[in-house]
Amino acid sequence: MKSLSCLKVGSLEILVSVVIPNHNGSKYLIKCIDSVIGQTYPYIEIIVVDDHSTDNSLEILKRYGEIIRMVVSEDFGASSARNAGMLSSRGGLIALLDCDDLWERDKISKQVDLLRNS
């Protein structure tokens, strides 16, 4: 997975920012983030917004190091966490994923292809 800041058209690549709000979702986080890391589309940045978790979510997120960007917010709820993630994104497209959900490996690739061909 490449992380770069770009919006390109035609045959060139579009960076997709994946925003994951999290509040005490430690039991789901690893599978969720790994489902994004495993995408077949290579131009993705992962932003996880931790909304004042009291479980071990922050410890889990720190293990990913530079693979993800972590934003910490002050328990304002999922909508506010999504907004914070979008504000810190660099991609030309934004994809939202809840911390207790998973994606199929080709989800982003299929969506980018659909947007290119529409």
PDB file of N, CA and C in Angstrom:
ATOM      1  N   MET A   1       0.839  -1.159   0.000  1.00  0.00           N
ATOM      2  CA  MET A   1       0.000   0.000   0.000  1.00  0.00           C
ATOM      3  C   MET A   1       0.891   1.230   0.000  1.00  0.00           C
ATOM      4  N   LYS A   2       0.640   2.138  -0.936  1.00  0.00           N
ATOM      5  CA  LYS A   2       1.396   3.375  -1.013  1.00  0.00           C
ATOM      6  C   LYS A   2       0.586   4.493  -0.383  1.00  0.00           C
ATOM      7  N   SER A   3       1.233   5.353   0.332  1.00  0.00           N
ATOM      8  CA  SER A   3       0.557   6.496   0.920  1.00  0.00           C
ATOM      9  C   SER A   3       1.160   7.750   0.328  1.00  0.00           C
ATOM     10  N   LEU A   4       0.386   8.476  -0.450  1.00  0.00           N
ATOM     11  CA  LEU A   4       0.869   9.700  -1.046  1.00  0.00           C
ATOM     12  C   LEU A   4      -0.286  10.654  -1.227  1.00  0.00           C
ATOM     13  N   SER A   5       0.041  11.904  -1.357  1.00  0.00           N
ATOM     14  CA  SER A   5      -0.988  12.921  -1.482  1.00  0.00           C
ATOM     15  C   SER A   5      -1.148  13.282  -2.949  1.00  0.00           C
ATOM     16  N   CYS A   6      -2.249  12.838  -3.556  1.00  0.00           N
ATOM     17  CA  CYS A   6      -2.434  13.143  -4.963  1.00  0.00           C
ATOM     18  C   CYS A   6      -3.894  12.990  -5.357  1.00  0.00           C
ATOM     19  N   LEU A   7      -4.291  13.730  -6.340  1.00  0.00           N
ATOM     20  CA  LEU A   7      -5.563  13.519  -7.016  1.00  0.00           C
ATOM     21  C   LEU A   7      -5.229  13.573  -8.487  1.00  0.00           C
ATOM     22  N   LYS A   8      -5.343  12.443  -9.145  1.00  0.00           N
ATOM     23  CA  LYS A   8      -4.968  12.362 -10.538  1.00  0.00           C
ATOM     24  C   LYS A   8      -6.144  11.841 -11.336  1.00  0.00           C
ATOM     25  N   VAL A   9      -6.164  12.139 -12.606  1.00  0.00           N
ATOM     26  CA  VAL A   9      -7.296  11.820 -13.457  1.00  0.00           C
ATOM     27  C   VAL A   9      -6.862  10.865 -14.553  1.00  0.00           C
ATOM     28  N   GLY A  10      -7.831  10.140 -15.123  1.00  0.00           N
ATOM     29  CA  GLY A  10      -7.545   9.238 -16.234  1.00  0.00           C
ATOM     30  C   GLY A  10      -6.829   8.000 -15.772  1.00  0.00           C
ATOM     31  N   SER A  11      -5.671   7.737 -16.371  1.00  0.00           N
ATOM     32  CA  SER A  11      -4.932   6.526 -16.049  1.00  0.00           C
ATOM     33  C   SER A  11      -4.093   6.676 -14.778  1.00  0.00           C
ATOM     34  N   LEU A  12      -4.041   7.875 -14.239  1.00  0.00           N
ATOM     35  CA  LEU A  12      -3.254   8.093 -13.043  1.00  0.00           C
ATOM     36  C   LEU A  12      -4.071   7.757 -11.798  1.00  0.00           C
ATOM     37  N   GLU A  13      -3.431   7.707 -10.661  1.00  0.00           N
ATOM     38  CA  GLU A  13      -4.059   7.194  -9.442  1.00  0.00           C
ATOM     39  C   GLU A  13      -4.650   8.284  -8.560  1.00  0.00           C
ATOM     40  N   ILE A  14      -5.671   7.901  -7.818  1.00  0.00           N
ATOM     41  CA  ILE A  14      -6.356   8.781  -6.877  1.00  0.00           C
ATOM     42  C   ILE A  14      -6.088   8.257  -5.471  1.00  0.00           C
ATOM     43  N   LEU A  15      -5.648   9.115  -4.579  1.00  0.00           N
ATOM     44  CA  LEU A  15      -5.471   8.732  -3.186  1.00  0.00           C
ATOM     45  C   LEU A  15      -6.842   8.676  -2.514  1.00  0.00           C
ATOM     46  N   VAL A  16      -7.122   7.572  -1.843  1.00  0.00           N
ATOM     47  CA  VAL A  16      -8.370   7.404  -1.099  1.00  0.00           C
ATOM     48  C   VAL A  16      -8.050   7.475   0.389  1.00  0.00           C
ATOM     49  N   SER A  17      -8.712   8.387   1.081  1.00  0.00           N
ATOM     50  CA  SER A  17      -8.564   8.508   2.530  1.00  0.00           C
ATOM     51  C   SER A  17      -9.657   7.682   3.188  1.00  0.00           C
ATOM     52  N   VAL A  18      -9.259   6.714   3.993  1.00  0.00           N
ATOM     53  CA  VAL A  18     -10.211   5.883   4.721  1.00  0.00           C
ATOM     54  C   VAL A  18     -10.276   6.413   6.145  1.00  0.00           C
ATOM     55  N   VAL A  19     -11.460   6.842   6.559  1.00  0.00           N
ATOM     56  CA  VAL A  19     -11.663   7.409   7.891  1.00  0.00           C
ATOM     57  C   VAL A  19     -12.424   6.395   8.740  1.00  0.00           C
ATOM     58  N   ILE A  20     -11.822   6.038   9.865  1.00  0.00           N
ATOM     59  CA  ILE A  20     -12.407   5.055  10.781  1.00  0.00           C
ATOM     60  C   ILE A  20     -12.601   5.714  12.150  1.00  0.00           C
ATOM     61  N   PRO A  21     -13.857   6.030  12.526  1.00  0.00           N
ATOM     62  CA  PRO A  21     -14.085   6.516  13.880  1.00  0.00           C
ATOM     63  C   PRO A  21     -14.071   5.342  14.859  1.00  0.00           C
ATOM     64  N   ASN A  22     -13.516   5.555  16.033  1.00  0.00           N
ATOM     65  CA  ASN A  22     -13.427   4.477  17.018  1.00  0.00           C
ATOM     66  C   ASN A  22     -13.733   5.008  18.411  1.00  0.00           C
ATOM     67  N   HIS A  23     -14.581   4.277  19.112  1.00  0.00           N
ATOM     68  CA  HIS A  23     -14.813   4.540  20.537  1.00  0.00           C
ATOM     69  C   HIS A  23     -14.950   3.184  21.221  1.00  0.00           C
ATOM     70  N   ASN A  24     -13.915   2.804  21.952  1.00  0.00           N
ATOM     71  CA  ASN A  24     -13.896   1.528  22.681  1.00  0.00           C
ATOM     72  C   ASN A  24     -14.151   0.323  21.768  1.00  0.00           C
ATOM     73  N   GLY A  25     -13.574   0.360  20.590  1.00  0.00           N
ATOM     74  CA  GLY A  25     -13.763  -0.728  19.642  1.00  0.00           C
ATOM     75  C   GLY A  25     -12.581  -1.671  19.557  1.00  0.00           C
ATOM     76  N   SER A  26     -11.818  -1.792  20.633  1.00  0.00           N
ATOM     77  CA  SER A  26     -10.571  -2.561  20.582  1.00  0.00           C
ATOM     78  C   SER A  26     -10.776  -4.001  20.111  1.00  0.00           C
ATOM     79  N   LYS A  27     -11.903  -4.599  20.415  1.00  0.00           N
ATOM     80  CA  LYS A  27     -12.069  -6.003  20.025  1.00  0.00           C
ATOM     81  C   LYS A  27     -12.308  -6.166  18.527  1.00  0.00           C
ATOM     82  N   TYR A  28     -12.558  -5.062  17.814  1.00  0.00           N
ATOM     83  CA  TYR A  28     -12.791  -5.119  16.368  1.00  0.00           C
ATOM     84  C   TYR A  28     -11.681  -4.465  15.549  1.00  0.00           C
ATOM     85  N   LEU A  29     -10.909  -3.581  16.171  1.00  0.00           N
ATOM     86  CA  LEU A  29      -9.989  -2.703  15.441  1.00  0.00           C
ATOM     87  C   LEU A  29      -8.997  -3.424  14.539  1.00  0.00           C
ATOM     88  N   ILE A  30      -8.378  -4.461  15.031  1.00  0.00           N
ATOM     89  CA  ILE A  30      -7.331  -5.133  14.252  1.00  0.00           C
ATOM     90  C   ILE A  30      -7.900  -5.676  12.946  1.00  0.00           C
ATOM     91  N   LYS A  31      -9.013  -6.385  13.009  1.00  0.00           N
ATOM     92  CA  LYS A  31      -9.613  -6.931  11.785  1.00  0.00           C
ATOM     93  C   LYS A  31     -10.081  -5.819  10.852  1.00  0.00           C
ATOM     94  N   CYS A  32     -10.621  -4.756  11.430  1.00  0.00           N
ATOM     95  CA  CYS A  32     -11.080  -3.625  10.621  1.00  0.00           C
ATOM     96  C   CYS A  32      -9.920  -2.994   9.858  1.00  0.00           C
ATOM     97  N   ILE A  33      -8.878  -2.609  10.577  1.00  0.00           N
ATOM     98  CA  ILE A  33      -7.730  -1.958   9.944  1.00  0.00           C
ATOM     99  C   ILE A  33      -7.045  -2.899   8.962  1.00  0.00           C
ATOM    100  N   ASP A  34      -6.903  -4.147   9.338  1.00  0.00           N
ATOM    101  CA  ASP A  34      -6.271  -5.114   8.433  1.00  0.00           C
ATOM    102  C   ASP A  34      -7.070  -5.292   7.144  1.00  0.00           C
ATOM    103  N   SER A  35      -8.401  -5.130   7.211  1.00  0.00           N
ATOM    104  CA  SER A  35      -9.198  -5.243   5.985  1.00  0.00           C
ATOM    105  C   SER A  35      -8.937  -4.068   5.045  1.00  0.00           C
ATOM    106  N   VAL A  36      -8.494  -2.944   5.589  1.00  0.00           N
ATOM    107  CA  VAL A  36      -8.116  -1.797   4.751  1.00  0.00           C
ATOM    108  C   VAL A  36      -6.699  -1.989   4.231  1.00  0.00           C
ATOM    109  N   ILE A  37      -5.799  -2.424   5.088  1.00  0.00           N
ATOM    110  CA  ILE A  37      -4.418  -2.664   4.665  1.00  0.00           C
ATOM    111  C   ILE A  37      -4.367  -3.700   3.543  1.00  0.00           C
ATOM    112  N   GLY A  38      -5.272  -4.659   3.570  1.00  0.00           N
ATOM    113  CA  GLY A  38      -5.297  -5.720   2.573  1.00  0.00           C
ATOM    114  C   GLY A  38      -5.998  -5.377   1.271  1.00  0.00           C
ATOM    115  N   GLN A  39      -6.386  -4.129   1.078  1.00  0.00           N
ATOM    116  CA  GLN A  39      -7.067  -3.749  -0.159  1.00  0.00           C
ATOM    117  C   GLN A  39      -6.162  -3.937  -1.370  1.00  0.00           C
ATOM    118  N   THR A  40      -6.760  -4.321  -2.480  1.00  0.00           N
ATOM    119  CA  THR A  40      -5.996  -4.473  -3.722  1.00  0.00           C
ATOM    120  C   THR A  40      -5.634  -3.116  -4.322  1.00  0.00           C
ATOM    121  N   TYR A  41      -6.365  -2.085  -3.992  1.00  0.00           N
ATOM    122  CA  TYR A  41      -6.063  -0.734  -4.451  1.00  0.00           C
ATOM    123  C   TYR A  41      -4.934  -0.180  -3.580  1.00  0.00           C
ATOM    124  N   PRO A  42      -3.831   0.258  -4.181  1.00  0.00           N
ATOM    125  CA  PRO A  42      -2.644   0.574  -3.381  1.00  0.00           C
ATOM    126  C   PRO A  42      -2.554   2.000  -2.831  1.00  0.00           C
ATOM    127  N   TYR A  43      -3.351   2.931  -3.338  1.00  0.00           N
ATOM    128  CA  TYR A  43      -3.172   4.337  -2.953  1.00  0.00           C
ATOM    129  C   TYR A  43      -4.195   4.722  -1.891  1.00  0.00           C
ATOM    130  N   ILE A  44      -3.900   4.332  -0.656  1.00  0.00           N
ATOM    131  CA  ILE A  44      -4.822   4.526   0.455  1.00  0.00           C
ATOM    132  C   ILE A  44      -4.073   5.120   1.642  1.00  0.00           C
ATOM    133  N   GLU A  45      -4.709   6.070   2.308  1.00  0.00           N
ATOM    134  CA  GLU A  45      -4.232   6.506   3.619  1.00  0.00           C
ATOM    135  C   GLU A  45      -5.316   6.122   4.622  1.00  0.00           C
ATOM    136  N   ILE A  46      -4.896   5.674   5.793  1.00  0.00           N
ATOM    137  CA  ILE A  46      -5.832   5.234   6.825  1.00  0.00           C
ATOM    138  C   ILE A  46      -5.767   6.217   7.986  1.00  0.00           C
ATOM    139  N   ILE A  47      -6.923   6.785   8.308  1.00  0.00           N
ATOM    140  CA  ILE A  47      -7.021   7.730   9.423  1.00  0.00           C
ATOM    141  C   ILE A  47      -7.992   7.131  10.431  1.00  0.00           C
ATOM    142  N   VAL A  48      -7.511   6.853  11.627  1.00  0.00           N
ATOM    143  CA  VAL A  48      -8.367   6.356  12.697  1.00  0.00           C
ATOM    144  C   VAL A  48      -8.532   7.472  13.712  1.00  0.00           C
ATOM    145  N   VAL A  49      -9.785   7.845  13.958  1.00  0.00           N
ATOM    146  CA  VAL A  49     -10.085   8.894  14.930  1.00  0.00           C
ATOM    147  C   VAL A  49     -10.583   8.216  16.195  1.00  0.00           C
ATOM    148  N   ASP A  50      -9.773   8.291  17.229  1.00  0.00           N
ATOM    149  CA  ASP A  50     -10.174   7.695  18.495  1.00  0.00           C
ATOM    150  C   ASP A  50     -10.955   8.724  19.299  1.00  0.00           C
ATOM    151  N   ASP A  51     -12.200   8.378  19.586  1.00  0.00           N
ATOM    152  CA  ASP A  51     -13.116   9.286  20.260  1.00  0.00           C
ATOM    153  C   ASP A  51     -13.135   9.019  21.757  1.00  0.00           C
ATOM    154  N   HIS A  52     -11.979   9.273  22.390  1.00  0.00           N
ATOM    155  CA  HIS A  52     -11.824   9.196  23.839  1.00  0.00           C
ATOM    156  C   HIS A  52     -12.109   7.783  24.378  1.00  0.00           C
ATOM    157  N   SER A  53     -11.503   6.784  23.771  1.00  0.00           N
ATOM    158  CA  SER A  53     -11.690   5.404  24.222  1.00  0.00           C
ATOM    159  C   SER A  53     -11.075   5.190  25.597  1.00  0.00           C
ATOM    160  N   THR A  54     -11.714   4.311  26.372  1.00  0.00           N
ATOM    161  CA  THR A  54     -11.196   3.957  27.686  1.00  0.00           C
ATOM    162  C   THR A  54     -10.716   2.510  27.726  1.00  0.00           C
ATOM    163  N   ASP A  55     -10.807   1.801  26.599  1.00  0.00           N
ATOM    164  CA  ASP A  55     -10.284   0.437  26.515  1.00  0.00           C
ATOM    165  C   ASP A  55      -8.842   0.506  26.003  1.00  0.00           C
ATOM    166  N   ASN A  56      -8.322  -0.562  25.470  1.00  0.00           N
ATOM    167  CA  ASN A  56      -6.932  -0.564  24.987  1.00  0.00           C
ATOM    168  C   ASN A  56      -6.807  -0.205  23.505  1.00  0.00           C
ATOM    169  N   SER A  57      -7.769   0.544  22.976  1.00  0.00           N
ATOM    170  CA  SER A  57      -7.730   0.948  21.563  1.00  0.00           C
ATOM    171  C   SER A  57      -6.453   1.694  21.198  1.00  0.00           C
ATOM    172  N   LEU A  58      -6.047   2.639  22.025  1.00  0.00           N
ATOM    173  CA  LEU A  58      -4.853   3.431  21.701  1.00  0.00           C
ATOM    174  C   LEU A  58      -3.603   2.563  21.617  1.00  0.00           C
ATOM    175  N   GLU A  59      -3.491   1.574  22.479  1.00  0.00           N
ATOM    176  CA  GLU A  59      -2.356   0.652  22.428  1.00  0.00           C
ATOM    177  C   GLU A  59      -2.344  -0.110  21.105  1.00  0.00           C
ATOM    178  N   ILE A  60      -3.510  -0.553  20.679  1.00  0.00           N
ATOM    179  CA  ILE A  60      -3.617  -1.276  19.408  1.00  0.00           C
ATOM    180  C   ILE A  60      -3.236  -0.359  18.257  1.00  0.00           C
ATOM    181  N   LEU A  61      -3.743   0.854  18.255  1.00  0.00           N
ATOM    182  CA  LEU A  61      -3.460   1.789  17.166  1.00  0.00           C
ATOM    183  C   LEU A  61      -1.974   2.127  17.087  1.00  0.00           C
ATOM    184  N   LYS A  62      -1.327   2.279  18.224  1.00  0.00           N
ATOM    185  CA  LYS A  62       0.102   2.609  18.229  1.00  0.00           C
ATOM    186  C   LYS A  62       0.944   1.507  17.603  1.00  0.00           C
ATOM    187  N   ARG A  63       0.488   0.265  17.656  1.00  0.00           N
ATOM    188  CA  ARG A  63       1.236  -0.848  17.050  1.00  0.00           C
ATOM    189  C   ARG A  63       1.354  -0.707  15.535  1.00  0.00           C
ATOM    190  N   TYR A  64       0.420   0.003  14.922  1.00  0.00           N
ATOM    191  CA  TYR A  64       0.448   0.165  13.471  1.00  0.00           C
ATOM    192  C   TYR A  64       1.450   1.210  13.015  1.00  0.00           C
ATOM    193  N   GLY A  65       1.940   2.006  13.929  1.00  0.00           N
ATOM    194  CA  GLY A  65       2.970   2.992  13.593  1.00  0.00           C
ATOM    195  C   GLY A  65       2.540   3.924  12.483  1.00  0.00           C
ATOM    196  N   GLU A  66       3.402   4.088  11.491  1.00  0.00           N
ATOM    197  CA  GLU A  66       3.149   5.020  10.399  1.00  0.00           C
ATOM    198  C   GLU A  66       2.189   4.489   9.347  1.00  0.00           C
ATOM    199  N   ILE A  67       1.745   3.265   9.488  1.00  0.00           N
ATOM    200  CA  ILE A  67       0.783   2.712   8.527  1.00  0.00           C
ATOM    201  C   ILE A  67      -0.544   3.458   8.615  1.00  0.00           C
ATOM    202  N   ILE A  68      -0.877   3.930   9.813  1.00  0.00           N
ATOM    203  CA  ILE A  68      -2.109   4.689   9.992  1.00  0.00           C
ATOM    204  C   ILE A  68      -1.791   6.067  10.540  1.00  0.00           C
ATOM    205  N   ARG A  69      -2.719   6.982  10.374  1.00  0.00           N
ATOM    206  CA  ARG A  69      -2.629   8.269  11.047  1.00  0.00           C
ATOM    207  C   ARG A  69      -3.686   8.253  12.137  1.00  0.00           C
ATOM    208  N   MET A  70      -3.272   8.543  13.345  1.00  0.00           N
ATOM    209  CA  MET A  70      -4.191   8.521  14.478  1.00  0.00           C
ATOM    210  C   MET A  70      -4.530   9.955  14.874  1.00  0.00           C
ATOM    211  N   VAL A  71      -5.839  10.192  15.018  1.00  0.00           N
ATOM    212  CA  VAL A  71      -6.331  11.478  15.489  1.00  0.00           C
ATOM    213  C   VAL A  71      -7.096  11.184  16.765  1.00  0.00           C
ATOM    214  N   VAL A  72      -6.846  11.953  17.815  1.00  0.00           N
ATOM    215  CA  VAL A  72      -7.537  11.742  19.086  1.00  0.00           C
ATOM    216  C   VAL A  72      -8.527  12.884  19.274  1.00  0.00           C
ATOM    217  N   SER A  73      -9.792  12.520  19.546  1.00  0.00           N
ATOM    218  CA  SER A  73     -10.810  13.541  19.788  1.00  0.00           C
ATOM    219  C   SER A  73     -11.369  13.387  21.197  1.00  0.00           C
ATOM    220  N   GLU A  74     -12.241  14.276  21.574  1.00  0.00           N
ATOM    221  CA  GLU A  74     -12.701  14.371  22.960  1.00  0.00           C
ATOM    222  C   GLU A  74     -14.134  13.905  23.172  1.00  0.00           C
ATOM    223  N   ASP A  75     -14.480  12.704  22.784  1.00  0.00           N
ATOM    224  CA  ASP A  75     -15.771  12.091  23.098  1.00  0.00           C
ATOM    225  C   ASP A  75     -16.955  12.935  22.649  1.00  0.00           C
ATOM    226  N   PHE A  76     -16.923  13.357  21.387  1.00  0.00           N
ATOM    227  CA  PHE A  76     -18.031  14.133  20.831  1.00  0.00           C
ATOM    228  C   PHE A  76     -18.949  13.278  19.962  1.00  0.00           C
ATOM    229  N   GLY A  77     -18.654  11.992  19.836  1.00  0.00           N
ATOM    230  CA  GLY A  77     -19.501  11.097  19.068  1.00  0.00           C
ATOM    231  C   GLY A  77     -18.931  10.755  17.704  1.00  0.00           C
ATOM    232  N   ALA A  78     -19.576   9.759  17.076  1.00  0.00           N
ATOM    233  CA  ALA A  78     -19.073   9.225  15.809  1.00  0.00           C
ATOM    234  C   ALA A  78     -19.095  10.250  14.681  1.00  0.00           C
ATOM    235  N   SER A  79     -20.143  11.058  14.600  1.00  0.00           N
ATOM    236  CA  SER A  79     -20.220  12.051  13.514  1.00  0.00           C
ATOM    237  C   SER A  79     -19.090  13.064  13.617  1.00  0.00           C
ATOM    238  N   SER A  80     -18.840  13.539  14.818  1.00  0.00           N
ATOM    239  CA  SER A  80     -17.754  14.483  15.034  1.00  0.00           C
ATOM    240  C   SER A  80     -16.404  13.837  14.733  1.00  0.00           C
ATOM    241  N   ALA A  81     -16.246  12.562  15.106  1.00  0.00           N
ATOM    242  CA  ALA A  81     -15.001  11.843  14.814  1.00  0.00           C
ATOM    243  C   ALA A  81     -14.802  11.700  13.305  1.00  0.00           C
ATOM    244  N   ARG A  82     -15.873  11.397  12.584  1.00  0.00           N
ATOM    245  CA  ARG A  82     -15.765  11.314  11.111  1.00  0.00           C
ATOM    246  C   ARG A  82     -15.344  12.661  10.537  1.00  0.00           C
ATOM    247  N   ASN A  83     -15.962  13.727  11.012  1.00  0.00           N
ATOM    248  CA  ASN A  83     -15.608  15.067  10.527  1.00  0.00           C
ATOM    249  C   ASN A  83     -14.146  15.380  10.801  1.00  0.00           C
ATOM    250  N   ALA A  84     -13.655  15.036  11.979  1.00  0.00           N
ATOM    251  CA  ALA A  84     -12.246  15.278  12.316  1.00  0.00           C
ATOM    252  C   ALA A  84     -11.334  14.499  11.374  1.00  0.00           C
ATOM    253  N   GLY A  85     -11.714  13.268  11.067  1.00  0.00           N
ATOM    254  CA  GLY A  85     -10.924  12.463  10.142  1.00  0.00           C
ATOM    255  C   GLY A  85     -10.915  13.044   8.740  1.00  0.00           C
ATOM    256  N   MET A  86     -12.072  13.504   8.279  1.00  0.00           N
ATOM    257  CA  MET A  86     -12.138  14.101   6.942  1.00  0.00           C
ATOM    258  C   MET A  86     -11.321  15.381   6.861  1.00  0.00           C
ATOM    259  N   LEU A  87     -11.332  16.167   7.937  1.00  0.00           N
ATOM    260  CA  LEU A  87     -10.541  17.398   7.949  1.00  0.00           C
ATOM    261  C   LEU A  87      -9.042  17.131   7.881  1.00  0.00           C
ATOM    262  N   SER A  88      -8.608  15.987   8.393  1.00  0.00           N
ATOM    263  CA  SER A  88      -7.177  15.683   8.356  1.00  0.00           C
ATOM    264  C   SER A  88      -6.784  14.844   7.141  1.00  0.00           C
ATOM    265  N   SER A  89      -7.733  14.549   6.278  1.00  0.00           N
ATOM    266  CA  SER A  89      -7.445  13.691   5.115  1.00  0.00           C
ATOM    267  C   SER A  89      -6.732  14.469   4.016  1.00  0.00           C
ATOM    268  N   ARG A  90      -6.000  13.716   3.179  1.00  0.00           N
ATOM    269  CA  ARG A  90      -5.283  14.308   2.051  1.00  0.00           C
ATOM    270  C   ARG A  90      -5.756  13.750   0.717  1.00  0.00           C
ATOM    271  N   GLY A  91      -6.660  12.789   0.761  1.00  0.00           N
ATOM    272  CA  GLY A  91      -7.078  12.108  -0.461  1.00  0.00           C
ATOM    273  C   GLY A  91      -8.068  12.888  -1.292  1.00  0.00           C
ATOM    274  N   GLY A  92      -8.158  12.487  -2.533  1.00  0.00           N
ATOM    275  CA  GLY A  92      -9.148  13.047  -3.450  1.00  0.00           C
ATOM    276  C   GLY A  92     -10.514  12.426  -3.241  1.00  0.00           C
ATOM    277  N   LEU A  93     -10.529  11.261  -2.620  1.00  0.00           N
ATOM    278  CA  LEU A  93     -11.769  10.573  -2.277  1.00  0.00           C
ATOM    279  C   LEU A  93     -11.712  10.174  -0.814  1.00  0.00           C
ATOM    280  N   ILE A  94     -12.880  10.135  -0.184  1.00  0.00           N
ATOM    281  CA  ILE A  94     -12.967   9.725   1.220  1.00  0.00           C
ATOM    282  C   ILE A  94     -13.903   8.535   1.318  1.00  0.00           C
ATOM    283  N   ALA A  95     -13.463   7.521   2.049  1.00  0.00           N
ATOM    284  CA  ALA A  95     -14.287   6.346   2.321  1.00  0.00           C
ATOM    285  C   ALA A  95     -14.429   6.221   3.834  1.00  0.00           C
ATOM    286  N   LEU A  96     -15.654   5.973   4.290  1.00  0.00           N
ATOM    287  CA  LEU A  96     -15.924   5.859   5.718  1.00  0.00           C
ATOM    288  C   LEU A  96     -16.106   4.391   6.089  1.00  0.00           C
ATOM    289  N   LEU A  97     -15.517   4.007   7.206  1.00  0.00           N
ATOM    290  CA  LEU A  97     -15.604   2.626   7.681  1.00  0.00           C
ATOM    291  C   LEU A  97     -15.727   2.649   9.191  1.00  0.00           C
ATOM    292  N   ASP A  98     -16.771   2.028   9.725  1.00  0.00           N
ATOM    293  CA  ASP A  98     -16.912   1.931  11.174  1.00  0.00           C
ATOM    294  C   ASP A  98     -15.942   0.893  11.713  1.00  0.00           C
ATOM    295  N   CYS A  99     -15.505   1.075  12.948  1.00  0.00           N
ATOM    296  CA  CYS A  99     -14.461   0.220  13.516  1.00  0.00           C
ATOM    297  C   CYS A  99     -14.902  -1.229  13.695  1.00  0.00           C
ATOM    298  N   ASP A 100     -16.186  -1.510  13.637  1.00  0.00           N
ATOM    299  CA  ASP A 100     -16.654  -2.891  13.796  1.00  0.00           C
ATOM    300  C   ASP A 100     -17.069  -3.524  12.475  1.00  0.00           C
ATOM    301  N   ASP A 101     -16.637  -2.919  11.367  1.00  0.00           N
ATOM    302  CA  ASP A 101     -16.948  -3.449  10.038  1.00  0.00           C
ATOM    303  C   ASP A 101     -15.677  -3.892   9.319  1.00  0.00           C
ATOM    304  N   LEU A 102     -15.858  -4.689   8.285  1.00  0.00           N
ATOM    305  CA  LEU A 102     -14.756  -5.185   7.454  1.00  0.00           C
ATOM    306  C   LEU A 102     -15.086  -4.921   5.993  1.00  0.00           C
ATOM    307  N   TRP A 103     -14.052  -4.826   5.169  1.00  0.00           N
ATOM    308  CA  TRP A 103     -14.231  -4.659   3.733  1.00  0.00           C
ATOM    309  C   TRP A 103     -13.696  -5.872   2.988  1.00  0.00           C
ATOM    310  N   GLU A 104     -14.339  -6.184   1.875  1.00  0.00           N
ATOM    311  CA  GLU A 104     -13.788  -7.151   0.929  1.00  0.00           C
ATOM    312  C   GLU A 104     -12.516  -6.544   0.327  1.00  0.00           C
ATOM    313  N   ARG A 105     -11.584  -7.398  -0.085  1.00  0.00           N
ATOM    314  CA  ARG A 105     -10.269  -6.939  -0.556  1.00  0.00           C
ATOM    315  C   ARG A 105     -10.311  -5.975  -1.743  1.00  0.00           C
ATOM    316  N   ASP A 106     -11.331  -6.072  -2.578  1.00  0.00           N
ATOM    317  CA  ASP A 106     -11.382  -5.244  -3.783  1.00  0.00           C
ATOM    318  C   ASP A 106     -12.419  -4.123  -3.710  1.00  0.00           C
ATOM    319  N   LYS A 107     -12.903  -3.810  -2.538  1.00  0.00           N
ATOM    320  CA  LYS A 107     -13.944  -2.793  -2.385  1.00  0.00           C
ATOM    321  C   LYS A 107     -13.518  -1.444  -2.959  1.00  0.00           C
ATOM    322  N   ILE A 108     -12.385  -0.926  -2.507  1.00  0.00           N
ATOM    323  CA  ILE A 108     -11.943   0.395  -2.957  1.00  0.00           C
ATOM    324  C   ILE A 108     -11.613   0.371  -4.449  1.00  0.00           C
ATOM    325  N   SER A 109     -10.965  -0.661  -4.899  1.00  0.00           N
ATOM    326  CA  SER A 109     -10.625  -0.774  -6.315  1.00  0.00           C
ATOM    327  C   SER A 109     -11.873  -0.713  -7.194  1.00  0.00           C
ATOM    328  N   LYS A 110     -12.902  -1.446  -6.817  1.00  0.00           N
ATOM    329  CA  LYS A 110     -14.157  -1.440  -7.587  1.00  0.00           C
ATOM    330  C   LYS A 110     -14.800  -0.058  -7.576  1.00  0.00           C
ATOM    331  N   GLN A 111     -14.800   0.601  -6.432  1.00  0.00           N
ATOM    332  CA  GLN A 111     -15.421   1.921  -6.359  1.00  0.00           C
ATOM    333  C   GLN A 111     -14.659   2.967  -7.161  1.00  0.00           C
ATOM    334  N   VAL A 112     -13.337   2.928  -7.096  1.00  0.00           N
ATOM    335  CA  VAL A 112     -12.539   3.876  -7.875  1.00  0.00           C
ATOM    336  C   VAL A 112     -12.764   3.628  -9.370  1.00  0.00           C
ATOM    337  N   ASP A 113     -12.794   2.367  -9.785  1.00  0.00           N
ATOM    338  CA  ASP A 113     -13.057   2.050 -11.194  1.00  0.00           C
ATOM    339  C   ASP A 113     -14.429   2.572 -11.635  1.00  0.00           C
ATOM    340  N   LEU A 114     -15.443   2.405 -10.797  1.00  0.00           N
ATOM    341  CA  LEU A 114     -16.770   2.912 -11.127  1.00  0.00           C
ATOM    342  C   LEU A 114     -16.763   4.433 -11.293  1.00  0.00           C
ATOM    343  N   LEU A 115     -16.069   5.121 -10.404  1.00  0.00           N
ATOM    344  CA  LEU A 115     -16.003   6.578 -10.507  1.00  0.00           C
ATOM    345  C   LEU A 115     -15.251   7.021 -11.759  1.00  0.00           C
ATOM    346  N   ARG A 116     -14.194   6.323 -12.086  1.00  0.00           N
ATOM    347  CA  ARG A 116     -13.425   6.664 -13.287  1.00  0.00           C
ATOM    348  C   ARG A 116     -14.256   6.479 -14.551  1.00  0.00           C
ATOM    349  N   ASN A 117     -15.089   5.464 -14.561  1.00  0.00           N
ATOM    350  CA  ASN A 117     -15.841   5.108 -15.775  1.00  0.00           C
ATOM    351  C   ASN A 117     -17.232   5.715 -15.836  1.00  0.00           C
ATOM    352  N   SER A 118     -17.528   6.619 -14.906  1.00  0.00           N
ATOM    353  CA  SER A 118     -18.872   7.223 -14.949  1.00  0.00           C
ATOM    354  C   SER A 118     -18.843   8.621 -15.502  1.00  0.00           C
TER     355      SER A 118
END
